[in-house]
Amino acid sequence: MQSVSSAIRAALLTGDPRAKCFATRGVARRWRKGELAFVFDEPMPDQPAWPDEPELLPPNKMPKRGKFGSERARIALWHSLAHIEFVAIDLALDMAGRFGAEMGEEFVSDFLYVAADEAMHHALLARKLESLGSHYGALPAHAGLWEAAHETRNDVAARLAVVPMVLEARGLDVTPATLERVKAAGDEHGAKILARILDDEIRHVGFGTKHFLKVAQESGEDPAEAWKSLVRRHFRGPVKPPFNDSARLAAGLSRDFYEDVAL
């Protein structure tokens, strides 16, 4: 029987976006069906395979989107979201493959579930771009999204604190306003995609919070204080309001965590 780590590694090293989505959903399905062994005999790559396009730029070199009403700005929005979800596939796969041995089977199940969701999200957004006459890779994209994974590659608590509980939680904060702008522009199809993503991301943040609480409790640390310390050490940038408190709370992330680290 193939090990789960080798299957995850193969998906991470699949560069073509469509193929990566299929590979990721295949790994999650095979794990769910008991077709992959809980064995970690393959290391995770330092960096996943990515396509030649989009061109990856530093955040300060990214072109401005312009006002949402223009066709160019709409395409830029959907392209940005598609890129975020594409990198999120690798973040979830790496979480399961890198830390699964120490964290256990439930952890692997949760983050392979997340990875399959992110693959579905990317596919929805890629099709949305195609319906607008564009495609994923047509525009430059943010180069810094993998930095959080590299920075926390040796510490599961830090990875959980930064990726689900900061980066994905930020999605809970900003998505509702984006959804309203899309709906106001008359794009009901786009609004439905964003509503689906928001619902799923609450669950993803919840998985991260659940496992972070377990790690903190096992080490005898106060979870909120441990989270603040790790975020200050490993996250580059502010944890800034406004916060979607209700969505964060639904994910188990109370204001005790983030209120006094916000800038």
C-alpha atoms as a PDB file:
ATOM      1  CA  MET A   1       0.000   0.000   0.000  1.00  0.00           C
ATOM      2  CA  GLN A   2       1.307   3.451  -0.887  1.00  0.00           C
ATOM      3  CA  SER A   3       2.199   5.714   2.019  1.00  0.00           C
ATOM      4  CA  VAL A   4       0.184   8.857   2.553  1.00  0.00           C
ATOM      5  CA  SER A   5       3.380  10.919   2.583  1.00  0.00           C
ATOM      6  CA  SER A   6       4.446   9.728  -0.869  1.00  0.00           C
ATOM      7  CA  ALA A   7       0.990  10.470  -2.287  1.00  0.00           C
ATOM      8  CA  ILE A   8       1.030  13.957  -0.768  1.00  0.00           C
ATOM      9  CA  ARG A   9       4.545  14.613  -2.022  1.00  0.00           C
ATOM     10  CA  ALA A  10       3.522  13.621  -5.555  1.00  0.00           C
ATOM     11  CA  ALA A  11       0.613  16.078  -5.457  1.00  0.00           C
ATOM     12  CA  LEU A  12       2.858  18.848  -4.143  1.00  0.00           C
ATOM     13  CA  LEU A  13       5.291  18.215  -7.001  1.00  0.00           C
ATOM     14  CA  THR A  14       2.534  18.447  -9.630  1.00  0.00           C
ATOM     15  CA  GLY A  15       2.906  21.886 -11.194  1.00  0.00           C
ATOM     16  CA  ASP A  16       0.027  22.114 -13.647  1.00  0.00           C
ATOM     17  CA  PRO A  17      -2.916  23.696 -11.792  1.00  0.00           C
ATOM     18  CA  ARG A  18      -5.606  21.420 -13.228  1.00  0.00           C
ATOM     19  CA  ALA A  19      -3.497  18.330 -12.635  1.00  0.00           C
ATOM     20  CA  LYS A  20      -2.672  19.453  -9.096  1.00  0.00           C
ATOM     21  CA  CYS A  21      -6.382  19.826  -8.346  1.00  0.00           C
ATOM     22  CA  PHE A  22      -7.099  16.312  -9.625  1.00  0.00           C
ATOM     23  CA  ALA A  23      -4.093  14.861  -7.776  1.00  0.00           C
ATOM     24  CA  THR A  24      -5.072  16.555  -4.518  1.00  0.00           C
ATOM     25  CA  ARG A  25      -8.661  15.406  -4.613  1.00  0.00           C
ATOM     26  CA  GLY A  26      -7.401  11.937  -5.480  1.00  0.00           C
ATOM     27  CA  VAL A  27      -5.130  11.833  -2.427  1.00  0.00           C
ATOM     28  CA  ALA A  28      -7.981  12.957  -0.172  1.00  0.00           C
ATOM     29  CA  ARG A  29     -10.349  10.382  -1.654  1.00  0.00           C
ATOM     30  CA  ARG A  30      -7.840   7.527  -1.360  1.00  0.00           C
ATOM     31  CA  TRP A  31      -7.056   8.453   2.246  1.00  0.00           C
ATOM     32  CA  ARG A  32     -10.754   8.580   3.094  1.00  0.00           C
ATOM     33  CA  LYS A  33     -11.255   5.120   1.547  1.00  0.00           C
ATOM     34  CA  GLY A  34      -8.339   3.605   3.489  1.00  0.00           C
ATOM     35  CA  GLU A  35      -6.169   3.126   0.405  1.00  0.00           C
ATOM     36  CA  LEU A  36      -3.137   5.011   1.783  1.00  0.00           C
ATOM     37  CA  ALA A  37      -1.045   3.839   4.729  1.00  0.00           C
ATOM     38  CA  PHE A  38      -0.413   6.087   7.726  1.00  0.00           C
ATOM     39  CA  VAL A  39       3.304   6.016   6.963  1.00  0.00           C
ATOM     40  CA  PHE A  40       5.649   8.990   6.540  1.00  0.00           C
ATOM     41  CA  ASP A  41       8.577   7.697   4.526  1.00  0.00           C
ATOM     42  CA  GLU A  42       8.873  10.601   2.071  1.00  0.00           C
ATOM     43  CA  PRO A  43       9.929  14.156   3.003  1.00  0.00           C
ATOM     44  CA  MET A  44       7.929  17.139   1.881  1.00  0.00           C
ATOM     45  CA  PRO A  45       9.643  19.390  -0.673  1.00  0.00           C
ATOM     46  CA  ASP A  46      10.916  22.782   0.470  1.00  0.00           C
ATOM     47  CA  GLN A  47       8.803  24.312  -2.279  1.00  0.00           C
ATOM     48  CA  PRO A  48       5.975  22.794  -4.316  1.00  0.00           C
ATOM     49  CA  ALA A  49       5.962  22.652  -8.096  1.00  0.00           C
ATOM     50  CA  TRP A  50       4.200  25.605  -9.699  1.00  0.00           C
ATOM     51  CA  PRO A  51       3.391  26.477 -13.314  1.00  0.00           C
ATOM     52  CA  ASP A  52       5.495  28.909 -15.354  1.00  0.00           C
ATOM     53  CA  GLU A  53       2.573  31.324 -15.202  1.00  0.00           C
ATOM     54  CA  PRO A  54       1.457  33.397 -13.374  1.00  0.00           C
ATOM     55  CA  GLU A  55       4.560  35.540 -13.011  1.00  0.00           C
ATOM     56  CA  LEU A  56       5.192  35.893  -9.281  1.00  0.00           C
ATOM     57  CA  LEU A  57       5.960  39.384  -8.002  1.00  0.00           C
ATOM     58  CA  PRO A  58       6.761  40.864  -4.580  1.00  0.00           C
ATOM     59  CA  PRO A  59       3.684  42.418  -2.953  1.00  0.00           C
ATOM     60  CA  ASN A  60       4.958  45.967  -3.519  1.00  0.00           C
ATOM     61  CA  LYS A  61       5.385  45.288  -7.255  1.00  0.00           C
ATOM     62  CA  MET A  62       1.864  44.017  -7.831  1.00  0.00           C
ATOM     63  CA  PRO A  63      -0.163  46.215 -10.228  1.00  0.00           C
ATOM     64  CA  LYS A  64      -3.167  48.051  -8.823  1.00  0.00           C
ATOM     65  CA  ARG A  65      -6.536  46.494  -9.677  1.00  0.00           C
ATOM     66  CA  GLY A  66      -8.412  49.750 -10.196  1.00  0.00           C
ATOM     67  CA  LYS A  67     -12.094  50.284  -9.483  1.00  0.00           C
ATOM     68  CA  PHE A  68     -14.156  47.111  -9.303  1.00  0.00           C
ATOM     69  CA  GLY A  69     -16.620  48.211 -11.976  1.00  0.00           C
ATOM     70  CA  SER A  70     -14.152  47.829 -14.841  1.00  0.00           C
ATOM     71  CA  GLU A  71     -13.686  44.523 -16.647  1.00  0.00           C
ATOM     72  CA  ARG A  72      -9.958  44.641 -15.966  1.00  0.00           C
ATOM     73  CA  ALA A  73     -10.526  45.061 -12.227  1.00  0.00           C
ATOM     74  CA  ARG A  74     -13.055  42.218 -12.124  1.00  0.00           C
ATOM     75  CA  ILE A  75     -10.634  39.865 -13.863  1.00  0.00           C
ATOM     76  CA  ALA A  76      -7.833  40.975 -11.536  1.00  0.00           C
ATOM     77  CA  LEU A  77     -10.006  40.204  -8.489  1.00  0.00           C
ATOM     78  CA  TRP A  78     -10.894  36.694  -9.642  1.00  0.00           C
ATOM     79  CA  HIS A  79      -7.308  36.035 -10.682  1.00  0.00           C
ATOM     80  CA  SER A  80      -6.024  37.084  -7.275  1.00  0.00           C
ATOM     81  CA  LEU A  81      -8.531  34.819  -5.546  1.00  0.00           C
ATOM     82  CA  ALA A  82      -7.667  31.905  -7.846  1.00  0.00           C
ATOM     83  CA  HIS A  83      -3.995  32.318  -6.952  1.00  0.00           C
ATOM     84  CA  ILE A  84      -4.710  32.427  -3.228  1.00  0.00           C
ATOM     85  CA  GLU A  85      -6.684  29.188  -3.501  1.00  0.00           C
ATOM     86  CA  PHE A  86      -3.998  27.567  -5.647  1.00  0.00           C
ATOM     87  CA  VAL A  87      -1.317  28.223  -3.027  1.00  0.00           C
ATOM     88  CA  ALA A  88      -3.778  27.163  -0.310  1.00  0.00           C
ATOM     89  CA  ILE A  89      -3.855  23.685  -1.877  1.00  0.00           C
ATOM     90  CA  ASP A  90      -0.124  23.343  -1.253  1.00  0.00           C
ATOM     91  CA  LEU A  91      -0.357  24.846   2.230  1.00  0.00           C
ATOM     92  CA  ALA A  92      -2.917  22.221   3.275  1.00  0.00           C
ATOM     93  CA  LEU A  93      -1.078  19.347   1.603  1.00  0.00           C
ATOM     94  CA  ASP A  94       2.190  20.357   3.243  1.00  0.00           C
ATOM     95  CA  MET A  95       0.474  20.651   6.619  1.00  0.00           C
ATOM     96  CA  ALA A  96      -0.771  17.060   6.395  1.00  0.00           C
ATOM     97  CA  GLY A  97       2.435  15.630   4.956  1.00  0.00           C
ATOM     98  CA  ARG A  98       4.945  17.524   7.085  1.00  0.00           C
ATOM     99  CA  PHE A  99       3.283  17.242  10.485  1.00  0.00           C
ATOM    100  CA  GLY A 100       0.936  14.269  10.140  1.00  0.00           C
ATOM    101  CA  ALA A 101       3.312  11.758  11.721  1.00  0.00           C
ATOM    102  CA  GLU A 102       3.497  13.695  14.992  1.00  0.00           C
ATOM    103  CA  MET A 103      -0.114  14.884  15.003  1.00  0.00           C
ATOM    104  CA  GLY A 104      -1.998  11.724  14.068  1.00  0.00           C
ATOM    105  CA  GLU A 105      -4.603  10.415  11.671  1.00  0.00           C
ATOM    106  CA  GLU A 106      -7.355  12.918  12.520  1.00  0.00           C
ATOM    107  CA  PHE A 107      -4.964  15.750  11.688  1.00  0.00           C
ATOM    108  CA  VAL A 108      -4.161  14.184   8.310  1.00  0.00           C
ATOM    109  CA  SER A 109      -7.862  13.662   7.600  1.00  0.00           C
ATOM    110  CA  ASP A 110      -8.708  17.261   8.461  1.00  0.00           C
ATOM    111  CA  PHE A 111      -6.013  18.853   6.316  1.00  0.00           C
ATOM    112  CA  LEU A 112      -6.514  16.553   3.345  1.00  0.00           C
ATOM    113  CA  TYR A 113     -10.177  17.571   3.553  1.00  0.00           C
ATOM    114  CA  VAL A 114      -9.018  21.204   3.492  1.00  0.00           C
ATOM    115  CA  ALA A 115      -6.706  20.522   0.544  1.00  0.00           C
ATOM    116  CA  ALA A 116      -9.551  18.964  -1.456  1.00  0.00           C
ATOM    117  CA  ASP A 117     -11.751  21.980  -0.677  1.00  0.00           C
ATOM    118  CA  GLU A 118      -9.023  24.379  -1.815  1.00  0.00           C
ATOM    119  CA  ALA A 119      -8.630  22.411  -5.047  1.00  0.00           C
ATOM    120  CA  MET A 120     -12.360  22.712  -5.657  1.00  0.00           C
ATOM    121  CA  HIS A 121     -12.247  26.450  -4.887  1.00  0.00           C
ATOM    122  CA  HIS A 122      -9.395  26.977  -7.327  1.00  0.00           C
ATOM    123  CA  ALA A 123     -11.231  25.049 -10.038  1.00  0.00           C
ATOM    124  CA  LEU A 124     -14.371  27.167  -9.530  1.00  0.00           C
ATOM    125  CA  LEU A 125     -12.365  30.383  -9.734  1.00  0.00           C
ATOM    126  CA  ALA A 126     -10.379  29.216 -12.769  1.00  0.00           C
ATOM    127  CA  ARG A 127     -13.645  28.495 -14.570  1.00  0.00           C
ATOM    128  CA  LYS A 128     -14.930  31.905 -13.507  1.00  0.00           C
ATOM    129  CA  LEU A 129     -11.906  33.527 -15.118  1.00  0.00           C
ATOM    130  CA  GLU A 130     -12.460  31.539 -18.298  1.00  0.00           C
ATOM    131  CA  SER A 131     -16.082  32.718 -18.414  1.00  0.00           C
ATOM    132  CA  LEU A 132     -14.703  36.273 -18.440  1.00  0.00           C
ATOM    133  CA  GLY A 133     -12.377  35.525 -21.342  1.00  0.00           C
ATOM    134  CA  SER A 134      -9.242  35.145 -19.216  1.00  0.00           C
ATOM    135  CA  HIS A 135      -7.434  32.297 -17.450  1.00  0.00           C
ATOM    136  CA  TYR A 136      -5.336  31.579 -14.381  1.00  0.00           C
ATOM    137  CA  GLY A 137      -1.797  32.665 -15.190  1.00  0.00           C
ATOM    138  CA  ALA A 138      -2.825  35.578 -17.391  1.00  0.00           C
ATOM    139  CA  LEU A 139      -1.841  38.173 -14.744  1.00  0.00           C
ATOM    140  CA  PRO A 140       1.007  38.482 -12.244  1.00  0.00           C
ATOM    141  CA  ALA A 141       0.407  37.103  -8.765  1.00  0.00           C
ATOM    142  CA  HIS A 142       1.595  37.592  -5.207  1.00  0.00           C
ATOM    143  CA  ALA A 143       4.920  35.815  -4.593  1.00  0.00           C
ATOM    144  CA  GLY A 144       4.822  35.894  -0.806  1.00  0.00           C
ATOM    145  CA  LEU A 145       2.080  33.430   0.044  1.00  0.00           C
ATOM    146  CA  TRP A 146       4.405  30.453   0.521  1.00  0.00           C
ATOM    147  CA  GLU A 147       6.692  32.398   2.879  1.00  0.00           C
ATOM    148  CA  ALA A 148       4.524  31.544   5.883  1.00  0.00           C
ATOM    149  CA  ALA A 149       4.941  27.840   5.175  1.00  0.00           C
ATOM    150  CA  HIS A 150       8.716  28.106   4.835  1.00  0.00           C
ATOM    151  CA  GLU A 151       9.002  30.229   7.966  1.00  0.00           C
ATOM    152  CA  THR A 152       7.083  27.657  10.055  1.00  0.00           C
ATOM    153  CA  ARG A 153       8.368  24.447   8.443  1.00  0.00           C
ATOM    154  CA  ASN A 154       9.890  23.123  11.689  1.00  0.00           C
ATOM    155  CA  ASP A 155       7.086  23.919  14.155  1.00  0.00           C
ATOM    156  CA  VAL A 156       3.538  22.644  13.871  1.00  0.00           C
ATOM    157  CA  ALA A 157       2.240  25.095  16.482  1.00  0.00           C
ATOM    158  CA  ALA A 158       3.694  28.023  14.537  1.00  0.00           C
ATOM    159  CA  ARG A 159       2.289  26.701  11.270  1.00  0.00           C
ATOM    160  CA  LEU A 160      -1.188  26.333  12.780  1.00  0.00           C
ATOM    161  CA  ALA A 161      -0.984  29.758  14.397  1.00  0.00           C
ATOM    162  CA  VAL A 162       0.010  31.550  11.195  1.00  0.00           C
ATOM    163  CA  VAL A 163      -1.665  29.725   8.301  1.00  0.00           C
ATOM    164  CA  PRO A 164      -5.194  28.789   9.409  1.00  0.00           C
ATOM    165  CA  MET A 165      -5.461  31.210  12.329  1.00  0.00           C
ATOM    166  CA  VAL A 166      -4.043  34.335  10.643  1.00  0.00           C
ATOM    167  CA  LEU A 167      -4.004  33.936   6.862  1.00  0.00           C
ATOM    168  CA  GLU A 168      -7.218  31.952   6.447  1.00  0.00           C
ATOM    169  CA  ALA A 169      -8.917  33.885   9.243  1.00  0.00           C
ATOM    170  CA  ARG A 170      -8.156  37.058   7.288  1.00  0.00           C
ATOM    171  CA  GLY A 171     -10.209  35.585   4.475  1.00  0.00           C
ATOM    172  CA  LEU A 172     -13.164  35.427   6.865  1.00  0.00           C
ATOM    173  CA  ASP A 173     -12.765  39.161   7.459  1.00  0.00           C
ATOM    174  CA  VAL A 174     -12.493  40.375   3.867  1.00  0.00           C
ATOM    175  CA  THR A 175     -14.681  37.960   1.915  1.00  0.00           C
ATOM    176  CA  PRO A 176     -18.089  39.299   3.043  1.00  0.00           C
ATOM    177  CA  ALA A 177     -17.330  42.811   1.722  1.00  0.00           C
ATOM    178  CA  THR A 178     -16.028  41.368  -1.546  1.00  0.00           C
ATOM    179  CA  LEU A 179     -19.146  39.228  -1.826  1.00  0.00           C
ATOM    180  CA  GLU A 180     -21.349  42.308  -1.400  1.00  0.00           C
ATOM    181  CA  ARG A 181     -19.428  44.223  -4.079  1.00  0.00           C
ATOM    182  CA  VAL A 182     -19.768  41.305  -6.475  1.00  0.00           C
ATOM    183  CA  LYS A 183     -23.488  40.984  -5.737  1.00  0.00           C
ATOM    184  CA  ALA A 184     -24.006  44.746  -6.141  1.00  0.00           C
ATOM    185  CA  ALA A 185     -22.402  44.490  -9.581  1.00  0.00           C
ATOM    186  CA  GLY A 186     -25.079  41.960 -10.547  1.00  0.00           C
ATOM    187  CA  ASP A 187     -22.789  38.917 -10.534  1.00  0.00           C
ATOM    188  CA  GLU A 188     -24.936  36.360  -8.717  1.00  0.00           C
ATOM    189  CA  HIS A 189     -22.778  33.469  -9.948  1.00  0.00           C
ATOM    190  CA  GLY A 190     -19.667  35.064  -8.496  1.00  0.00           C
ATOM    191  CA  ALA A 191     -21.474  35.795  -5.246  1.00  0.00           C
ATOM    192  CA  LYS A 192     -22.454  32.125  -4.909  1.00  0.00           C
ATOM    193  CA  ILE A 193     -18.812  31.078  -5.380  1.00  0.00           C
ATOM    194  CA  LEU A 194     -17.673  33.470  -2.659  1.00  0.00           C
ATOM    195  CA  ALA A 195     -20.454  32.364  -0.285  1.00  0.00           C
ATOM    196  CA  ARG A 196     -19.365  28.738  -0.736  1.00  0.00           C
ATOM    197  CA  ILE A 197     -15.731  29.629  -0.119  1.00  0.00           C
ATOM    198  CA  LEU A 198     -16.612  31.612   3.012  1.00  0.00           C
ATOM    199  CA  ASP A 199     -18.588  28.721   4.491  1.00  0.00           C
ATOM    200  CA  ASP A 200     -15.741  26.307   3.793  1.00  0.00           C
ATOM    201  CA  GLU A 201     -13.080  28.632   5.178  1.00  0.00           C
ATOM    202  CA  ILE A 202     -14.879  28.869   8.516  1.00  0.00           C
ATOM    203  CA  ARG A 203     -14.491  25.107   8.758  1.00  0.00           C
ATOM    204  CA  HIS A 204     -10.820  25.312   7.731  1.00  0.00           C
ATOM    205  CA  VAL A 205     -10.009  27.893  10.390  1.00  0.00           C
ATOM    206  CA  GLY A 206     -11.881  25.671  12.818  1.00  0.00           C
ATOM    207  CA  PHE A 207      -9.632  22.705  12.009  1.00  0.00           C
ATOM    208  CA  GLY A 208      -6.545  24.831  12.573  1.00  0.00           C
ATOM    209  CA  THR A 209      -7.861  26.220  15.839  1.00  0.00           C
ATOM    210  CA  LYS A 210      -8.863  22.775  17.100  1.00  0.00           C
ATOM    211  CA  HIS A 211      -5.415  21.317  16.546  1.00  0.00           C
ATOM    212  CA  PHE A 212      -3.647  24.405  17.867  1.00  0.00           C
ATOM    213  CA  LEU A 213      -5.643  24.169  21.093  1.00  0.00           C
ATOM    214  CA  LYS A 214      -4.623  20.514  21.389  1.00  0.00           C
ATOM    215  CA  VAL A 215      -0.927  21.333  20.948  1.00  0.00           C
ATOM    216  CA  ALA A 216      -1.071  24.204  23.446  1.00  0.00           C
ATOM    217  CA  GLN A 217      -2.944  22.183  26.041  1.00  0.00           C
ATOM    218  CA  GLU A 218      -0.552  19.239  25.722  1.00  0.00           C
ATOM    219  CA  SER A 219       2.379  21.577  26.345  1.00  0.00           C
ATOM    220  CA  GLY A 220       0.626  23.218  29.299  1.00  0.00           C
ATOM    221  CA  GLU A 221       0.477  26.663  27.656  1.00  0.00           C
ATOM    222  CA  ASP A 222      -2.357  29.142  27.636  1.00  0.00           C
ATOM    223  CA  PRO A 223      -3.621  28.852  24.043  1.00  0.00           C
ATOM    224  CA  ALA A 224      -4.244  32.569  23.442  1.00  0.00           C
ATOM    225  CA  GLU A 225      -0.903  33.628  24.898  1.00  0.00           C
ATOM    226  CA  ALA A 226       0.954  30.914  22.979  1.00  0.00           C
ATOM    227  CA  TRP A 227      -0.734  32.012  19.759  1.00  0.00           C
ATOM    228  CA  LYS A 228       0.204  35.666  20.288  1.00  0.00           C
ATOM    229  CA  SER A 229       3.827  34.755  20.951  1.00  0.00           C
ATOM    230  CA  LEU A 230       4.060  32.605  17.828  1.00  0.00           C
ATOM    231  CA  VAL A 231       2.378  35.191  15.613  1.00  0.00           C
ATOM    232  CA  ARG A 232       4.702  37.936  16.809  1.00  0.00           C
ATOM    233  CA  ARG A 233       7.691  35.692  16.113  1.00  0.00           C
ATOM    234  CA  HIS A 234       6.704  34.185  12.776  1.00  0.00           C
ATOM    235  CA  PHE A 235       4.181  36.391  10.998  1.00  0.00           C
ATOM    236  CA  ARG A 236       5.462  39.260   8.874  1.00  0.00           C
ATOM    237  CA  GLY A 237       2.864  41.959   8.937  1.00  0.00           C
ATOM    238  CA  PRO A 238       0.056  43.218  11.127  1.00  0.00           C
ATOM    239  CA  VAL A 239      -3.022  41.343  12.293  1.00  0.00           C
ATOM    240  CA  LYS A 240      -5.375  44.153  11.389  1.00  0.00           C
ATOM    241  CA  PRO A 241      -9.073  44.900  11.799  1.00  0.00           C
ATOM    242  CA  PRO A 242     -11.866  44.995  10.897  1.00  0.00           C
ATOM    243  CA  PHE A 243     -12.557  41.451  12.090  1.00  0.00           C
ATOM    244  CA  ASN A 244     -15.492  39.222  11.228  1.00  0.00           C
ATOM    245  CA  ASP A 245     -16.006  38.301  14.864  1.00  0.00           C
ATOM    246  CA  SER A 246     -19.010  36.050  14.253  1.00  0.00           C
ATOM    247  CA  ALA A 247     -17.258  33.952  11.594  1.00  0.00           C
ATOM    248  CA  ARG A 248     -14.081  33.773  13.667  1.00  0.00           C
ATOM    249  CA  LEU A 249     -16.056  32.688  16.727  1.00  0.00           C
ATOM    250  CA  ALA A 250     -17.844  30.028  14.656  1.00  0.00           C
ATOM    251  CA  ALA A 251     -14.351  28.703  13.897  1.00  0.00           C
ATOM    252  CA  GLY A 252     -13.441  28.684  17.601  1.00  0.00           C
ATOM    253  CA  LEU A 253     -11.264  31.792  17.355  1.00  0.00           C
ATOM    254  CA  SER A 254     -12.422  34.185  20.082  1.00  0.00           C
ATOM    255  CA  ARG A 255     -11.298  37.788  20.511  1.00  0.00           C
ATOM    256  CA  ASP A 256      -9.066  36.631  23.381  1.00  0.00           C
ATOM    257  CA  PHE A 257      -6.629  35.530  20.703  1.00  0.00           C
ATOM    258  CA  TYR A 258      -6.381  38.500  18.395  1.00  0.00           C
ATOM    259  CA  GLU A 259      -7.818  41.612  20.019  1.00  0.00           C
ATOM    260  CA  ASP A 260      -4.669  43.019  21.581  1.00  0.00           C
ATOM    261  CA  VAL A 261      -2.266  42.030  18.786  1.00  0.00           C
ATOM    262  CA  ALA A 262      -4.264  43.947  16.190  1.00  0.00           C
ATOM    263  CA  LEU A 263      -2.524  46.954  14.666  1.00  0.00           C
END
